[in-house]
């Protein structure tokens, strides 16, 4: 019985673990990934446009 009370008191009185706040927030990570996807899409479109223009009959 004493161990149960000791365990409960220890669980209630110890401070909660500190949050690990290193790294970026989820919204910032999503914004960076979205910006990267837009850049890659722009590069792909530019490459395809240049290829098509170079191979058009004159």
N, C-alpha and C. Protein backbone atom coordinates (compact mmCIF):
# COMPACT_ATOMS: atom_id res chain seq x y z
N UNK A 1 0.82 -1.19 0.00
CA UNK A 1 0.00 0.00 0.00
C UNK A 1 0.87 1.26 0.00
N UNK A 2 1.95 1.20 0.74
CA UNK A 2 2.84 2.35 0.82
C UNK A 2 3.50 2.63 -0.52
N UNK A 3 3.83 1.58 -1.26
CA UNK A 3 4.44 1.79 -2.58
C UNK A 3 3.46 2.45 -3.54
N UNK A 4 2.21 2.12 -3.46
CA UNK A 4 1.22 2.73 -4.34
C UNK A 4 1.10 4.22 -4.03
N UNK A 5 1.03 4.55 -2.74
CA UNK A 5 0.94 5.96 -2.35
C UNK A 5 2.20 6.72 -2.76
N UNK A 6 3.35 6.11 -2.55
CA UNK A 6 4.61 6.74 -2.93
C UNK A 6 4.67 6.96 -4.43
N UNK A 7 4.25 5.98 -5.19
CA UNK A 7 4.25 6.10 -6.65
C UNK A 7 3.31 7.20 -7.10
N UNK A 8 2.12 7.25 -6.54
CA UNK A 8 1.16 8.29 -6.90
C UNK A 8 1.66 9.68 -6.54
N UNK A 9 2.23 9.83 -5.35
CA UNK A 9 2.76 11.12 -4.94
C UNK A 9 3.93 11.54 -5.82
N UNK A 10 4.77 10.62 -6.16
CA UNK A 10 5.90 10.93 -7.03
C UNK A 10 5.41 11.38 -8.40
N UNK A 11 4.42 10.69 -8.93
CA UNK A 11 3.88 11.05 -10.24
C UNK A 11 3.19 12.41 -10.21
N UNK A 12 2.53 12.73 -9.12
CA UNK A 12 1.82 13.99 -9.03
C UNK A 12 2.73 15.18 -8.71
N UNK A 13 3.79 14.94 -7.99
CA UNK A 13 4.62 16.05 -7.53
C UNK A 13 5.84 16.34 -8.41
N UNK A 14 6.21 15.43 -9.27
CA UNK A 14 7.34 15.71 -10.15
C UNK A 14 6.89 16.62 -11.29
N UNK A 15 7.72 17.56 -11.67
CA UNK A 15 7.32 18.47 -12.75
C UNK A 15 7.24 17.72 -14.08
N UNK A 16 6.37 18.17 -14.97
CA UNK A 16 6.27 17.51 -16.27
C UNK A 16 7.56 17.69 -17.06
N UNK A 17 7.85 16.78 -17.97
CA UNK A 17 9.08 16.92 -18.74
C UNK A 17 9.04 18.20 -19.59
N UNK A 18 10.19 18.80 -19.77
CA UNK A 18 10.26 20.02 -20.57
C UNK A 18 10.02 19.70 -22.03
N UNK A 19 9.37 20.63 -22.70
CA UNK A 19 9.11 20.46 -24.13
C UNK A 19 10.40 20.72 -24.89
N UNK A 20 10.63 19.92 -25.89
CA UNK A 20 11.79 20.13 -26.75
C UNK A 20 11.38 21.13 -27.83
N UNK A 21 11.81 22.36 -27.71
CA UNK A 21 11.37 23.40 -28.63
C UNK A 21 12.40 23.67 -29.72
N UNK A 22 13.30 22.76 -29.93
CA UNK A 22 14.24 22.92 -31.03
C UNK A 22 13.52 22.58 -32.32
N UNK A 23 13.97 23.16 -33.41
CA UNK A 23 13.37 22.86 -34.69
C UNK A 23 12.30 23.88 -35.05
N UNK A 24 11.71 23.68 -36.18
CA UNK A 24 10.72 24.62 -36.70
C UNK A 24 9.31 24.16 -36.36
N UNK A 25 8.39 25.10 -36.38
CA UNK A 25 7.01 24.73 -36.15
C UNK A 25 6.47 24.04 -37.41
N UNK A 26 5.39 23.37 -37.26
CA UNK A 26 4.81 22.62 -38.38
C UNK A 26 4.40 23.53 -39.52
N UNK A 27 3.86 24.71 -39.20
CA UNK A 27 3.43 25.62 -40.27
C UNK A 27 4.62 26.17 -41.04
N UNK A 28 5.73 26.43 -40.35
CA UNK A 28 6.93 26.92 -41.04
C UNK A 28 7.48 25.82 -41.94
N UNK A 29 7.50 24.60 -41.45
CA UNK A 29 7.98 23.48 -42.27
C UNK A 29 7.11 23.33 -43.52
N UNK A 30 5.79 23.43 -43.35
CA UNK A 30 4.88 23.33 -44.50
C UNK A 30 5.13 24.46 -45.50
N UNK A 31 5.37 25.67 -45.00
CA UNK A 31 5.63 26.80 -45.90
C UNK A 31 6.92 26.59 -46.68
N UNK A 32 7.95 26.08 -46.04
CA UNK A 32 9.22 25.83 -46.72
C UNK A 32 9.04 24.74 -47.77
N UNK A 33 8.33 23.68 -47.44
CA UNK A 33 8.10 22.61 -48.41
C UNK A 33 7.28 23.11 -49.59
N UNK A 34 6.28 23.93 -49.33
CA UNK A 34 5.46 24.48 -50.41
C UNK A 34 6.30 25.38 -51.31
N UNK A 35 7.14 26.22 -50.73
CA UNK A 35 8.00 27.09 -51.53
C UNK A 35 8.95 26.26 -52.38
N UNK A 36 9.50 25.20 -51.82
CA UNK A 36 10.37 24.31 -52.59
C UNK A 36 9.64 23.66 -53.75
N UNK A 37 8.41 23.23 -53.51
CA UNK A 37 7.63 22.61 -54.58
C UNK A 37 7.33 23.60 -55.69
N UNK A 38 7.05 24.86 -55.33
CA UNK A 38 6.78 25.88 -56.34
C UNK A 38 8.03 26.15 -57.17
N UNK A 39 9.18 26.20 -56.53
CA UNK A 39 10.43 26.43 -57.25
C UNK A 39 10.71 25.28 -58.22
N UNK A 40 10.54 24.06 -57.76
CA UNK A 40 10.79 22.89 -58.62
C UNK A 40 9.81 22.88 -59.79
N UNK A 41 8.55 23.20 -59.53
CA UNK A 41 7.56 23.25 -60.62
C UNK A 41 7.94 24.32 -61.63
N UNK A 42 8.41 25.47 -61.15
CA UNK A 42 8.84 26.53 -62.06
C UNK A 42 10.01 26.11 -62.92
N UNK A 43 10.95 25.40 -62.34
CA UNK A 43 12.10 24.91 -63.11
C UNK A 43 11.65 23.92 -64.17
N UNK A 44 10.77 23.00 -63.80
CA UNK A 44 10.28 22.00 -64.76
C UNK A 44 9.54 22.69 -65.91
N UNK A 45 8.71 23.65 -65.60
CA UNK A 45 7.97 24.37 -66.65
C UNK A 45 8.93 25.12 -67.56
N UNK A 46 9.94 25.76 -66.99
CA UNK A 46 10.91 26.50 -67.79
C UNK A 46 11.70 25.57 -68.72
N UNK A 47 12.08 24.40 -68.21
CA UNK A 47 12.83 23.45 -69.03
C UNK A 47 11.96 22.92 -70.17
N UNK A 48 10.74 22.57 -69.88
CA UNK A 48 9.84 22.05 -70.92
C UNK A 48 9.54 23.13 -71.96
N UNK A 49 9.31 24.36 -71.52
CA UNK A 49 9.05 25.46 -72.44
C UNK A 49 10.26 25.70 -73.35
N UNK A 50 11.45 25.70 -72.79
CA UNK A 50 12.65 25.90 -73.59
C UNK A 50 12.83 24.77 -74.59
N UNK A 51 12.56 23.55 -74.19
CA UNK A 51 12.69 22.40 -75.09
C UNK A 51 11.70 22.49 -76.24
N UNK A 52 10.46 22.83 -75.93
CA UNK A 52 9.43 22.90 -76.96
C UNK A 52 9.75 24.04 -77.93
N UNK A 53 10.16 25.19 -77.44
CA UNK A 53 10.49 26.32 -78.31
C UNK A 53 11.70 26.01 -79.19
N UNK A 54 12.66 25.25 -78.65
CA UNK A 54 13.85 24.92 -79.42
C UNK A 54 13.52 23.91 -80.53
N UNK A 55 12.50 23.11 -80.36
CA UNK A 55 12.17 22.08 -81.33
C UNK A 55 10.96 22.40 -82.20
N UNK A 56 10.45 23.62 -82.13
CA UNK A 56 9.35 24.01 -83.00
C UNK A 56 9.87 24.20 -84.43
N UNK A 57 9.11 23.76 -85.39
CA UNK A 57 9.55 24.00 -86.78
C UNK A 57 9.48 25.50 -87.09
N UNK A 58 10.45 25.95 -87.86
CA UNK A 58 10.48 27.38 -88.19
C UNK A 58 9.93 27.65 -89.56
